[in-house]
Amino acid sequence: MQWTPSGLCETSPRTAAEYLDDLARLFVVEGLPPFSPHLRSRSRLAAQSLLRLRQRVDVNRIGEPLKMVVLTGTGYGYERPDGVTVVAVSALRP
């Protein structure tokens, strides 16, 4: 990282790519295929990834997850039959 004269930090493309790789390994971000008009909801894809992560959690060691949440940019919130809750970012308050 480099600091600009205005005090902002510039990240190199290599550093940004490493951060994204690390976040993908932790299931924080997910690379999605290009938008398909036939796909009704991207939350469906994120929920599948979240359910795969839940299978990898050692519940004997750290317990069951309290909640599985997919945060979306728009829309409304609801709970899916598989236990994943979809929450619009506009519903979050301090």
PDB file of N, CA and C in Angstrom:
ATOM      1  N   MET A   1       0.837  -1.170   0.000  1.00  0.00           N
ATOM      2  CA  MET A   1       0.000   0.000   0.000  1.00  0.00           C
ATOM      3  C   MET A   1       0.880   1.231   0.000  1.00  0.00           C
ATOM      4  N   GLN A   2       0.375   2.262  -0.652  1.00  0.00           N
ATOM      5  CA  GLN A   2       1.101   3.520  -0.711  1.00  0.00           C
ATOM      6  C   GLN A   2       0.171   4.637  -0.281  1.00  0.00           C
ATOM      7  N   TRP A   3       0.752   5.618   0.383  1.00  0.00           N
ATOM      8  CA  TRP A   3      -0.039   6.766   0.836  1.00  0.00           C
ATOM      9  C   TRP A   3       0.122   7.898  -0.155  1.00  0.00           C
ATOM     10  N   THR A   4      -0.981   8.535  -0.504  1.00  0.00           N
ATOM     11  CA  THR A   4      -0.944   9.687  -1.403  1.00  0.00           C
ATOM     12  C   THR A   4      -0.695  10.942  -0.580  1.00  0.00           C
ATOM     13  N   PRO A   5      -0.303  12.049  -1.231  1.00  0.00           N
ATOM     14  CA  PRO A   5      -0.090  13.305  -0.483  1.00  0.00           C
ATOM     15  C   PRO A   5      -1.338  13.772   0.259  1.00  0.00           C
ATOM     16  N   SER A   6      -2.530  13.406  -0.227  1.00  0.00           N
ATOM     17  CA  SER A   6      -3.761  13.829   0.447  1.00  0.00           C
ATOM     18  C   SER A   6      -4.105  12.948   1.640  1.00  0.00           C
ATOM     19  N   GLY A   7      -3.273  11.936   1.905  1.00  0.00           N
ATOM     20  CA  GLY A   7      -3.498  11.086   3.065  1.00  0.00           C
ATOM     21  C   GLY A   7      -4.330   9.843   2.785  1.00  0.00           C
ATOM     22  N   LEU A   8      -4.672   9.617   1.524  1.00  0.00           N
ATOM     23  CA  LEU A   8      -5.428   8.419   1.167  1.00  0.00           C
ATOM     24  C   LEU A   8      -4.465   7.279   0.871  1.00  0.00           C
ATOM     25  N   CYS A   9      -4.942   6.084   1.033  1.00  0.00           N
ATOM     26  CA  CYS A   9      -4.122   4.908   0.805  1.00  0.00           C
ATOM     27  C   CYS A   9      -4.463   4.318  -0.554  1.00  0.00           C
ATOM     28  N   GLU A  10      -3.452   4.066  -1.364  1.00  0.00           N
ATOM     29  CA  GLU A  10      -3.648   3.412  -2.652  1.00  0.00           C
ATOM     30  C   GLU A  10      -3.208   1.959  -2.521  1.00  0.00           C
ATOM     31  N   THR A  11      -4.041   1.067  -2.998  1.00  0.00           N
ATOM     32  CA  THR A  11      -3.742  -0.359  -2.946  1.00  0.00           C
ATOM     33  C   THR A  11      -3.351  -0.824  -4.339  1.00  0.00           C
ATOM     34  N   SER A  12      -2.293  -1.594  -4.423  1.00  0.00           N
ATOM     35  CA  SER A  12      -1.866  -2.093  -5.727  1.00  0.00           C
ATOM     36  C   SER A  12      -2.853  -3.160  -6.216  1.00  0.00           C
ATOM     37  N   PRO A  13      -2.940  -3.370  -7.520  1.00  0.00           N
ATOM     38  CA  PRO A  13      -3.828  -4.416  -8.038  1.00  0.00           C
ATOM     39  C   PRO A  13      -3.498  -5.795  -7.472  1.00  0.00           C
ATOM     40  N   ARG A  14      -2.219  -6.067  -7.244  1.00  0.00           N
ATOM     41  CA  ARG A  14      -1.826  -7.359  -6.680  1.00  0.00           C
ATOM     42  C   ARG A  14      -2.371  -7.526  -5.253  1.00  0.00           C
ATOM     43  N   THR A  15      -2.242  -6.469  -4.435  1.00  0.00           N
ATOM     44  CA  THR A  15      -2.747  -6.515  -3.062  1.00  0.00           C
ATOM     45  C   THR A  15      -4.259  -6.690  -3.049  1.00  0.00           C
ATOM     46  N   ALA A  16      -4.954  -5.968  -3.918  1.00  0.00           N
ATOM     47  CA  ALA A  16      -6.414  -6.098  -3.998  1.00  0.00           C
ATOM     48  C   ALA A  16      -6.805  -7.514  -4.392  1.00  0.00           C
ATOM     49  N   ALA A  17      -6.091  -8.094  -5.330  1.00  0.00           N
ATOM     50  CA  ALA A  17      -6.388  -9.464  -5.760  1.00  0.00           C
ATOM     51  C   ALA A  17      -6.154 -10.454  -4.614  1.00  0.00           C
ATOM     52  N   GLU A  18      -5.088 -10.246  -3.834  1.00  0.00           N
ATOM     53  CA  GLU A  18      -4.820 -11.119  -2.690  1.00  0.00           C
ATOM     54  C   GLU A  18      -5.923 -10.998  -1.637  1.00  0.00           C
ATOM     55  N   TYR A  19      -6.385  -9.758  -1.376  1.00  0.00           N
ATOM     56  CA  TYR A  19      -7.485  -9.563  -0.430  1.00  0.00           C
ATOM     57  C   TYR A  19      -8.739 -10.288  -0.903  1.00  0.00           C
ATOM     58  N   LEU A  20      -9.068 -10.145  -2.180  1.00  0.00           N
ATOM     59  CA  LEU A  20     -10.265 -10.811  -2.714  1.00  0.00           C
ATOM     60  C   LEU A  20     -10.143 -12.327  -2.637  1.00  0.00           C
ATOM     61  N   ASP A  21      -8.955 -12.857  -2.907  1.00  0.00           N
ATOM     62  CA  ASP A  21      -8.746 -14.304  -2.781  1.00  0.00           C
ATOM     63  C   ASP A  21      -8.959 -14.767  -1.345  1.00  0.00           C
ATOM     64  N   ASP A  22      -8.413 -14.010  -0.388  1.00  0.00           N
ATOM     65  CA  ASP A  22      -8.588 -14.364   1.022  1.00  0.00           C
ATOM     66  C   ASP A  22     -10.056 -14.315   1.437  1.00  0.00           C
ATOM     67  N   LEU A  23     -10.759 -13.275   1.014  1.00  0.00           N
ATOM     68  CA  LEU A  23     -12.183 -13.152   1.352  1.00  0.00           C
ATOM     69  C   LEU A  23     -13.004 -14.261   0.705  1.00  0.00           C
ATOM     70  N   ALA A  24     -12.641 -14.679  -0.493  1.00  0.00           N
ATOM     71  CA  ALA A  24     -13.350 -15.781  -1.155  1.00  0.00           C
ATOM     72  C   ALA A  24     -13.125 -17.092  -0.402  1.00  0.00           C
ATOM     73  N   ARG A  25     -11.900 -17.306   0.084  1.00  0.00           N
ATOM     74  CA  ARG A  25     -11.622 -18.525   0.855  1.00  0.00           C
ATOM     75  C   ARG A  25     -12.416 -18.578   2.151  1.00  0.00           C
ATOM     76  N   LEU A  26     -12.708 -17.397   2.712  1.00  0.00           N
ATOM     77  CA  LEU A  26     -13.493 -17.310   3.945  1.00  0.00           C
ATOM     78  C   LEU A  26     -14.994 -17.229   3.677  1.00  0.00           C
ATOM     79  N   PHE A  27     -15.387 -17.333   2.401  1.00  0.00           N
ATOM     80  CA  PHE A  27     -16.787 -17.259   1.983  1.00  0.00           C
ATOM     81  C   PHE A  27     -17.415 -15.905   2.308  1.00  0.00           C
ATOM     82  N   VAL A  28     -16.617 -14.840   2.367  1.00  0.00           N
ATOM     83  CA  VAL A  28     -17.146 -13.503   2.602  1.00  0.00           C
ATOM     84  C   VAL A  28     -17.620 -12.904   1.285  1.00  0.00           C
ATOM     85  N   VAL A  29     -16.869 -13.150   0.228  1.00  0.00           N
ATOM     86  CA  VAL A  29     -17.280 -12.721  -1.109  1.00  0.00           C
ATOM     87  C   VAL A  29     -17.339 -13.945  -1.998  1.00  0.00           C
ATOM     88  N   GLU A  30     -18.125 -13.831  -3.036  1.00  0.00           N
ATOM     89  CA  GLU A  30     -18.280 -14.954  -3.947  1.00  0.00           C
ATOM     90  C   GLU A  30     -18.277 -14.419  -5.368  1.00  0.00           C
ATOM     91  N   GLY A  31     -17.426 -14.983  -6.195  1.00  0.00           N
ATOM     92  CA  GLY A  31     -17.418 -14.614  -7.600  1.00  0.00           C
ATOM     93  C   GLY A  31     -18.660 -15.164  -8.264  1.00  0.00           C
ATOM     94  N   LEU A  32     -19.447 -14.297  -8.846  1.00  0.00           N
ATOM     95  CA  LEU A  32     -20.683 -14.723  -9.490  1.00  0.00           C
ATOM     96  C   LEU A  32     -20.516 -14.698 -10.995  1.00  0.00           C
ATOM     97  N   PRO A  33     -21.193 -15.605 -11.679  1.00  0.00           N
ATOM     98  CA  PRO A  33     -21.140 -15.559 -13.140  1.00  0.00           C
ATOM     99  C   PRO A  33     -21.833 -14.296 -13.641  1.00  0.00           C
ATOM    100  N   PRO A  34     -21.597 -13.924 -14.901  1.00  0.00           N
ATOM    101  CA  PRO A  34     -22.274 -12.741 -15.437  1.00  0.00           C
ATOM    102  C   PRO A  34     -23.781 -12.860 -15.284  1.00  0.00           C
ATOM    103  N   PHE A  35     -24.432 -11.721 -15.174  1.00  0.00           N
ATOM    104  CA  PHE A  35     -25.871 -11.693 -14.959  1.00  0.00           C
ATOM    105  C   PHE A  35     -26.612 -12.409 -16.077  1.00  0.00           C
ATOM    106  N   SER A  36     -27.537 -13.237 -15.692  1.00  0.00           N
ATOM    107  CA  SER A  36     -28.397 -13.925 -16.642  1.00  0.00           C
ATOM    108  C   SER A  36     -29.821 -13.428 -16.444  1.00  0.00           C
ATOM    109  N   PRO A  37     -30.498 -12.996 -17.485  1.00  0.00           N
ATOM    110  CA  PRO A  37     -31.860 -12.506 -17.302  1.00  0.00           C
ATOM    111  C   PRO A  37     -32.823 -13.594 -16.844  1.00  0.00           C
ATOM    112  N   HIS A  38     -32.418 -14.853 -16.952  1.00  0.00           N
ATOM    113  CA  HIS A  38     -33.280 -15.951 -16.528  1.00  0.00           C
ATOM    114  C   HIS A  38     -33.151 -16.256 -15.039  1.00  0.00           C
ATOM    115  N   LEU A  39     -32.183 -15.641 -14.394  1.00  0.00           N
ATOM    116  CA  LEU A  39     -31.970 -15.853 -12.963  1.00  0.00           C
ATOM    117  C   LEU A  39     -32.847 -14.880 -12.192  1.00  0.00           C
ATOM    118  N   ARG A  40     -33.701 -15.373 -11.335  1.00  0.00           N
ATOM    119  CA  ARG A  40     -34.641 -14.505 -10.637  1.00  0.00           C
ATOM    120  C   ARG A  40     -34.007 -13.795  -9.458  1.00  0.00           C
ATOM    121  N   SER A  41     -33.054 -14.420  -8.776  1.00  0.00           N
ATOM    122  CA  SER A  41     -32.502 -13.807  -7.582  1.00  0.00           C
ATOM    123  C   SER A  41     -31.069 -14.258  -7.360  1.00  0.00           C
ATOM    124  N   ARG A  42     -30.167 -13.278  -7.136  1.00  0.00           N
ATOM    125  CA  ARG A  42     -28.789 -13.641  -6.815  1.00  0.00           C
ATOM    126  C   ARG A  42     -28.686 -14.126  -5.380  1.00  0.00           C
ATOM    127  N   SER A  43     -29.673 -13.827  -4.541  1.00  0.00           N
ATOM    128  CA  SER A  43     -29.618 -14.314  -3.167  1.00  0.00           C
ATOM    129  C   SER A  43     -29.671 -15.835  -3.137  1.00  0.00           C
ATOM    130  N   ARG A  44     -30.254 -16.431  -4.181  1.00  0.00           N
ATOM    131  CA  ARG A  44     -30.296 -17.885  -4.273  1.00  0.00           C
ATOM    132  C   ARG A  44     -28.878 -18.448  -4.351  1.00  0.00           C
ATOM    133  N   LEU A  45     -28.030 -17.808  -5.181  1.00  0.00           N
ATOM    134  CA  LEU A  45     -26.646 -18.259  -5.313  1.00  0.00           C
ATOM    135  C   LEU A  45     -25.886 -18.074  -4.001  1.00  0.00           C
ATOM    136  N   ALA A  46     -26.059 -16.924  -3.350  1.00  0.00           N
ATOM    137  CA  ALA A  46     -25.352 -16.665  -2.095  1.00  0.00           C
ATOM    138  C   ALA A  46     -25.814 -17.615  -1.014  1.00  0.00           C
ATOM    139  N   ALA A  47     -27.091 -17.960  -0.988  1.00  0.00           N
ATOM    140  CA  ALA A  47     -27.610 -18.891   0.022  1.00  0.00           C
ATOM    141  C   ALA A  47     -27.001 -20.274  -0.159  1.00  0.00           C
ATOM    142  N   GLN A  48     -26.814 -20.696  -1.397  1.00  0.00           N
ATOM    143  CA  GLN A  48     -26.193 -22.003  -1.643  1.00  0.00           C
ATOM    144  C   GLN A  48     -24.775 -22.030  -1.093  1.00  0.00           C
ATOM    145  N   SER A  49     -24.048 -20.942  -1.304  1.00  0.00           N
ATOM    146  CA  SER A  49     -22.684 -20.844  -0.786  1.00  0.00           C
ATOM    147  C   SER A  49     -22.684 -20.866   0.741  1.00  0.00           C
ATOM    148  N   LEU A  50     -23.644 -20.181   1.348  1.00  0.00           N
ATOM    149  CA  LEU A  50     -23.749 -20.135   2.801  1.00  0.00           C
ATOM    150  C   LEU A  50     -24.066 -21.520   3.370  1.00  0.00           C
ATOM    151  N   LEU A  51     -24.927 -22.261   2.704  1.00  0.00           N
ATOM    152  CA  LEU A  51     -25.264 -23.618   3.162  1.00  0.00           C
ATOM    153  C   LEU A  51     -24.063 -24.554   3.024  1.00  0.00           C
ATOM    154  N   ARG A  52     -23.245 -24.365   1.979  1.00  0.00           N
ATOM    155  CA  ARG A  52     -22.018 -25.174   1.853  1.00  0.00           C
ATOM    156  C   ARG A  52     -21.056 -24.860   2.995  1.00  0.00           C
ATOM    157  N   LEU A  53     -20.950 -23.579   3.358  1.00  0.00           N
ATOM    158  CA  LEU A  53     -20.086 -23.186   4.470  1.00  0.00           C
ATOM    159  C   LEU A  53     -20.570 -23.817   5.768  1.00  0.00           C
ATOM    160  N   ARG A  54     -21.878 -23.845   5.985  1.00  0.00           N
ATOM    161  CA  ARG A  54     -22.428 -24.425   7.216  1.00  0.00           C
ATOM    162  C   ARG A  54     -22.046 -25.893   7.355  1.00  0.00           C
ATOM    163  N   GLN A  55     -21.971 -26.602   6.246  1.00  0.00           N
ATOM    164  CA  GLN A  55     -21.587 -28.020   6.285  1.00  0.00           C
ATOM    165  C   GLN A  55     -20.135 -28.199   6.730  1.00  0.00           C
ATOM    166  N   ARG A  56     -19.325 -27.172   6.526  1.00  0.00           N
ATOM    167  CA  ARG A  56     -17.915 -27.268   6.889  1.00  0.00           C
ATOM    168  C   ARG A  56     -17.640 -26.861   8.334  1.00  0.00           C
ATOM    169  N   VAL A  57     -18.622 -26.267   9.007  1.00  0.00           N
ATOM    170  CA  VAL A  57     -18.446 -25.806  10.380  1.00  0.00           C
ATOM    171  C   VAL A  57     -18.445 -27.003  11.331  1.00  0.00           C
ATOM    172  N   ASP A  58     -17.483 -27.047  12.227  1.00  0.00           N
ATOM    173  CA  ASP A  58     -17.413 -28.100  13.237  1.00  0.00           C
ATOM    174  C   ASP A  58     -18.325 -27.705  14.400  1.00  0.00           C
ATOM    175  N   VAL A  59     -19.584 -28.174  14.352  1.00  0.00           N
ATOM    176  CA  VAL A  59     -20.566 -27.771  15.359  1.00  0.00           C
ATOM    177  C   VAL A  59     -20.235 -28.338  16.738  1.00  0.00           C
ATOM    178  N   ASN A  60     -19.500 -29.424  16.807  1.00  0.00           N
ATOM    179  CA  ASN A  60     -19.101 -29.967  18.105  1.00  0.00           C
ATOM    180  C   ASN A  60     -18.089 -29.060  18.793  1.00  0.00           C
ATOM    181  N   ARG A  61     -17.331 -28.341  17.989  1.00  0.00           N
ATOM    182  CA  ARG A  61     -16.291 -27.478  18.540  1.00  0.00           C
ATOM    183  C   ARG A  61     -16.792 -26.065  18.833  1.00  0.00           C
ATOM    184  N   ILE A  62     -17.573 -25.485  17.917  1.00  0.00           N
ATOM    185  CA  ILE A  62     -17.989 -24.095  18.098  1.00  0.00           C
ATOM    186  C   ILE A  62     -19.498 -23.902  18.155  1.00  0.00           C
ATOM    187  N   GLY A  63     -20.258 -24.960  17.998  1.00  0.00           N
ATOM    188  CA  GLY A  63     -21.710 -24.860  18.088  1.00  0.00           C
ATOM    189  C   GLY A  63     -22.366 -24.539  16.762  1.00  0.00           C
ATOM    190  N   GLU A  64     -23.676 -24.633  16.758  1.00  0.00           N
ATOM    191  CA  GLU A  64     -24.462 -24.332  15.564  1.00  0.00           C
ATOM    192  C   GLU A  64     -24.431 -22.826  15.279  1.00  0.00           C
ATOM    193  N   PRO A  65     -24.445 -22.447  14.018  1.00  0.00           N
ATOM    194  CA  PRO A  65     -24.547 -21.014  13.711  1.00  0.00           C
ATOM    195  C   PRO A  65     -25.858 -20.455  14.260  1.00  0.00           C
ATOM    196  N   LEU A  66     -25.817 -19.254  14.825  1.00  0.00           N
ATOM    197  CA  LEU A  66     -27.030 -18.645  15.359  1.00  0.00           C
ATOM    198  C   LEU A  66     -27.986 -18.252  14.249  1.00  0.00           C
ATOM    199  N   LYS A  67     -27.443 -17.744  13.151  1.00  0.00           N
ATOM    200  CA  LYS A  67     -28.274 -17.289  12.040  1.00  0.00           C
ATOM    201  C   LYS A  67     -27.437 -17.308  10.772  1.00  0.00           C
ATOM    202  N   MET A  68     -28.061 -17.666   9.676  1.00  0.00           N
ATOM    203  CA  MET A  68     -27.412 -17.597   8.372  1.00  0.00           C
ATOM    204  C   MET A  68     -28.128 -16.500   7.591  1.00  0.00           C
ATOM    205  N   VAL A  69     -27.388 -15.441   7.231  1.00  0.00           N
ATOM    206  CA  VAL A  69     -27.998 -14.262   6.627  1.00  0.00           C
ATOM    207  C   VAL A  69     -27.320 -13.939   5.311  1.00  0.00           C
ATOM    208  N   VAL A  70     -28.135 -13.666   4.299  1.00  0.00           N
ATOM    209  CA  VAL A  70     -27.664 -13.132   3.028  1.00  0.00           C
ATOM    210  C   VAL A  70     -28.096 -11.681   2.994  1.00  0.00           C
ATOM    211  N   LEU A  71     -27.141 -10.779   2.829  1.00  0.00           N
ATOM    212  CA  LEU A  71     -27.421  -9.346   2.783  1.00  0.00           C
ATOM    213  C   LEU A  71     -27.509  -8.917   1.326  1.00  0.00           C
ATOM    214  N   THR A  72     -28.640  -8.316   0.941  1.00  0.00           N
ATOM    215  CA  THR A  72     -28.841  -7.881  -0.440  1.00  0.00           C
ATOM    216  C   THR A  72     -28.880  -6.357  -0.505  1.00  0.00           C
ATOM    217  N   GLY A  73     -28.633  -5.829  -1.674  1.00  0.00           N
ATOM    218  CA  GLY A  73     -28.626  -4.389  -1.859  1.00  0.00           C
ATOM    219  C   GLY A  73     -30.017  -3.785  -1.935  1.00  0.00           C
ATOM    220  N   THR A  74     -30.967  -4.530  -2.429  1.00  0.00           N
ATOM    221  CA  THR A  74     -32.334  -4.033  -2.588  1.00  0.00           C
ATOM    222  C   THR A  74     -33.316  -5.145  -2.251  1.00  0.00           C
ATOM    223  N   GLY A  75     -34.583  -4.813  -2.297  1.00  0.00           N
ATOM    224  CA  GLY A  75     -35.612  -5.827  -2.081  1.00  0.00           C
ATOM    225  C   GLY A  75     -36.118  -5.824  -0.656  1.00  0.00           C
ATOM    226  N   TYR A  76     -36.724  -6.909  -0.284  1.00  0.00           N
ATOM    227  CA  TYR A  76     -37.318  -7.044   1.038  1.00  0.00           C
ATOM    228  C   TYR A  76     -36.730  -8.267   1.736  1.00  0.00           C
ATOM    229  N   GLY A  77     -36.934  -8.335   3.031  1.00  0.00           N
ATOM    230  CA  GLY A  77     -36.392  -9.436   3.811  1.00  0.00           C
ATOM    231  C   GLY A  77     -37.392 -10.558   3.987  1.00  0.00           C
ATOM    232  N   TYR A  78     -36.884 -11.755   4.092  1.00  0.00           N
ATOM    233  CA  TYR A  78     -37.723 -12.934   4.329  1.00  0.00           C
ATOM    234  C   TYR A  78     -36.845 -14.084   4.794  1.00  0.00           C
ATOM    235  N   GLU A  79     -37.460 -15.086   5.367  1.00  0.00           N
ATOM    236  CA  GLU A  79     -36.727 -16.278   5.780  1.00  0.00           C
ATOM    237  C   GLU A  79     -37.090 -17.422   4.852  1.00  0.00           C
ATOM    238  N   ARG A  80     -36.069 -18.067   4.324  1.00  0.00           N
ATOM    239  CA  ARG A  80     -36.269 -19.170   3.391  1.00  0.00           C
ATOM    240  C   ARG A  80     -36.558 -20.462   4.153  1.00  0.00           C
ATOM    241  N   PRO A  81     -37.172 -21.442   3.490  1.00  0.00           N
ATOM    242  CA  PRO A  81     -37.465 -22.725   4.154  1.00  0.00           C
ATOM    243  C   PRO A  81     -36.212 -23.452   4.655  1.00  0.00           C
ATOM    244  N   ASP A  82     -35.051 -23.200   4.040  1.00  0.00           N
ATOM    245  CA  ASP A  82     -33.817 -23.871   4.471  1.00  0.00           C
ATOM    246  C   ASP A  82     -33.141 -23.174   5.647  1.00  0.00           C
ATOM    247  N   GLY A  83     -33.774 -22.115   6.188  1.00  0.00           N
ATOM    248  CA  GLY A  83     -33.239 -21.440   7.363  1.00  0.00           C
ATOM    249  C   GLY A  83     -32.395 -20.214   7.072  1.00  0.00           C
ATOM    250  N   VAL A  84     -32.129 -19.922   5.813  1.00  0.00           N
ATOM    251  CA  VAL A  84     -31.354 -18.744   5.444  1.00  0.00           C
ATOM    252  C   VAL A  84     -32.282 -17.534   5.442  1.00  0.00           C
ATOM    253  N   THR A  85     -31.854 -16.461   6.099  1.00  0.00           N
ATOM    254  CA  THR A  85     -32.633 -15.227   6.135  1.00  0.00           C
ATOM    255  C   THR A  85     -32.040 -14.242   5.133  1.00  0.00           C
ATOM    256  N   VAL A  86     -32.888 -13.672   4.297  1.00  0.00           N
ATOM    257  CA  VAL A  86     -32.475 -12.668   3.318  1.00  0.00           C
ATOM    258  C   VAL A  86     -32.863 -11.308   3.885  1.00  0.00           C
ATOM    259  N   VAL A  87     -31.882 -10.407   3.985  1.00  0.00           N
ATOM    260  CA  VAL A  87     -32.098  -9.088   4.577  1.00  0.00           C
ATOM    261  C   VAL A  87     -31.613  -8.014   3.611  1.00  0.00           C
ATOM    262  N   ALA A  88     -32.451  -7.032   3.341  1.00  0.00           N
ATOM    263  CA  ALA A  88     -32.034  -5.889   2.528  1.00  0.00           C
ATOM    264  C   ALA A  88     -31.183  -4.968   3.389  1.00  0.00           C
ATOM    265  N   VAL A  89     -30.146  -4.403   2.794  1.00  0.00           N
ATOM    266  CA  VAL A  89     -29.234  -3.535   3.551  1.00  0.00           C
ATOM    267  C   VAL A  89     -29.989  -2.328   4.109  1.00  0.00           C
ATOM    268  N   SER A  90     -31.060  -1.910   3.453  1.00  0.00           N
ATOM    269  CA  SER A  90     -31.831  -0.760   3.950  1.00  0.00           C
ATOM    270  C   SER A  90     -32.539  -1.071   5.274  1.00  0.00           C
ATOM    271  N   ALA A  91     -32.655  -2.346   5.620  1.00  0.00           N
ATOM    272  CA  ALA A  91     -33.306  -2.716   6.884  1.00  0.00           C
ATOM    273  C   ALA A  91     -32.369  -2.595   8.076  1.00  0.00           C
ATOM    274  N   LEU A  92     -31.066  -2.447   7.832  1.00  0.00           N
ATOM    275  CA  LEU A  92     -30.099  -2.352   8.922  1.00  0.00           C
ATOM    276  C   LEU A  92     -30.088  -0.951   9.486  1.00  0.00           C
ATOM    277  N   ARG A  93     -30.108  -0.860  10.773  1.00  0.00           N
ATOM    278  CA  ARG A  93     -30.072   0.435  11.456  1.00  0.00           C
ATOM    279  C   ARG A  93     -28.984   0.361  12.530  1.00  0.00           C
ATOM    280  N   PRO A  94     -28.411   1.534  12.877  1.00  0.00           N
ATOM    281  CA  PRO A  94     -27.392   1.539  13.936  1.00  0.00           C
ATOM    282  C   PRO A  94     -27.991   1.221  15.294  1.00  0.00           C
TER     283      PRO A  94
END
